[in-house]
Amino acid sequence: MNPIRVFIASPGDVVEERDITSLVVSEVHRIFSDPLGIRLGAVRSETHATPNVGEDAQSVINRQIGDFDILVGMMWQRFGVSN
């Protein structure tokens, strides 16, 4: 059974919401993995990427995260690069 990778992405002003989303993915996995024969896993840059050298920080993260099946994107006050 291949895992369904749920990438949780957001800027730094919604860390608590990102943590809650990871817990929800884990709970959905716990409840539905056996009955539905699926495996869910939360993927986050904090847990699935390490510091490295690249074109820019985002390209390093993208390369290390790899492919995912579902994207959960969250925004609040920060959007894009701040100057």
Protein backbone atom coordinates (compact mmCIF):
# COMPACT_ATOMS: atom_id res chain seq x y z
CA MET A 1 0.00 0.00 0.00
CA ASN A 2 1.61 3.25 -1.17
CA PRO A 3 1.30 6.17 1.23
CA ILE A 4 -0.73 9.22 0.32
CA ARG A 5 1.66 12.11 0.98
CA VAL A 6 -0.10 15.23 2.29
CA PHE A 7 2.19 18.26 1.95
CA ILE A 8 1.35 20.97 4.47
CA ALA A 9 2.72 24.35 3.35
CA SER A 10 2.41 27.81 4.83
CA PRO A 11 4.37 30.87 5.87
CA GLY A 12 5.64 31.28 9.41
CA ASP A 13 2.62 33.12 10.78
CA VAL A 14 0.41 30.00 10.86
CA VAL A 15 2.69 27.52 12.68
CA GLU A 16 -0.02 26.49 15.15
CA GLU A 17 -2.47 25.79 12.32
CA ARG A 18 0.19 23.75 10.50
CA ASP A 19 0.76 21.70 13.67
CA ILE A 20 -2.98 21.08 14.04
CA THR A 21 -3.23 20.01 10.39
CA SER A 22 -0.45 17.45 10.96
CA LEU A 23 -2.39 16.07 13.91
CA VAL A 24 -5.56 15.85 11.80
CA VAL A 25 -3.72 13.93 9.05
CA SER A 26 -2.38 11.52 11.69
CA GLU A 27 -5.84 11.06 13.18
CA VAL A 28 -7.47 10.45 9.79
CA HIS A 29 -4.76 7.88 9.10
CA ARG A 30 -5.35 6.18 12.45
CA ILE A 31 -9.11 5.96 11.93
CA PHE A 32 -9.35 5.12 8.23
CA SER A 33 -6.11 3.34 7.26
CA ASP A 34 -7.31 -0.20 8.01
CA PRO A 35 -10.97 0.06 6.90
CA LEU A 36 -10.09 1.84 3.63
CA GLY A 37 -6.69 0.28 3.04
CA ILE A 38 -4.94 3.64 2.77
CA ARG A 39 -1.90 5.12 4.41
CA LEU A 40 -1.71 8.89 4.98
CA GLY A 41 1.41 10.76 5.96
CA ALA A 42 1.97 14.46 6.63
CA VAL A 43 4.94 16.01 4.85
CA ARG A 44 6.33 19.31 6.10
CA SER A 45 9.46 21.24 5.28
CA GLU A 46 10.37 21.27 8.99
CA THR A 47 10.37 17.48 9.17
CA HIS A 48 11.23 16.36 5.62
CA ALA A 49 13.91 18.82 4.51
CA THR A 50 17.32 19.69 5.91
CA PRO A 51 19.49 22.79 5.41
CA ASN A 52 21.45 22.60 2.18
CA VAL A 53 22.93 24.75 -0.56
CA GLY A 54 20.91 25.44 -3.67
CA GLU A 55 19.63 28.09 -5.99
CA ASP A 56 17.48 29.45 -3.18
CA ALA A 57 15.94 28.04 -0.01
CA GLN A 58 12.67 27.11 -1.72
CA SER A 59 14.38 25.12 -4.49
CA VAL A 60 16.28 23.12 -1.85
CA ILE A 61 13.02 22.38 0.00
CA ASN A 62 11.19 21.44 -3.22
CA ARG A 63 13.93 19.01 -4.21
CA GLN A 64 14.00 17.33 -0.78
CA ILE A 65 10.21 17.15 -0.32
CA GLY A 66 9.70 15.45 -3.68
CA ASP A 67 6.33 14.46 -5.04
CA PHE A 68 3.17 14.61 -2.96
CA ASP A 69 -0.44 13.67 -3.57
CA ILE A 70 -2.34 16.37 -1.67
CA LEU A 71 -1.35 19.96 -0.94
CA VAL A 72 -2.80 21.76 2.05
CA GLY A 73 -1.79 25.41 1.72
CA MET A 74 -2.53 27.98 4.41
CA MET A 75 -2.15 31.76 4.37
CA TRP A 76 -2.86 34.46 6.89
CA GLN A 77 -1.04 37.80 6.95
CA ARG A 78 2.19 36.79 5.19
CA PHE A 79 2.20 35.95 1.50
CA GLY A 80 5.31 35.54 -0.62
CA VAL A 81 8.69 37.15 0.06
CA SER A 82 8.88 40.14 2.38
CA ASN A 83 11.38 42.89 1.59
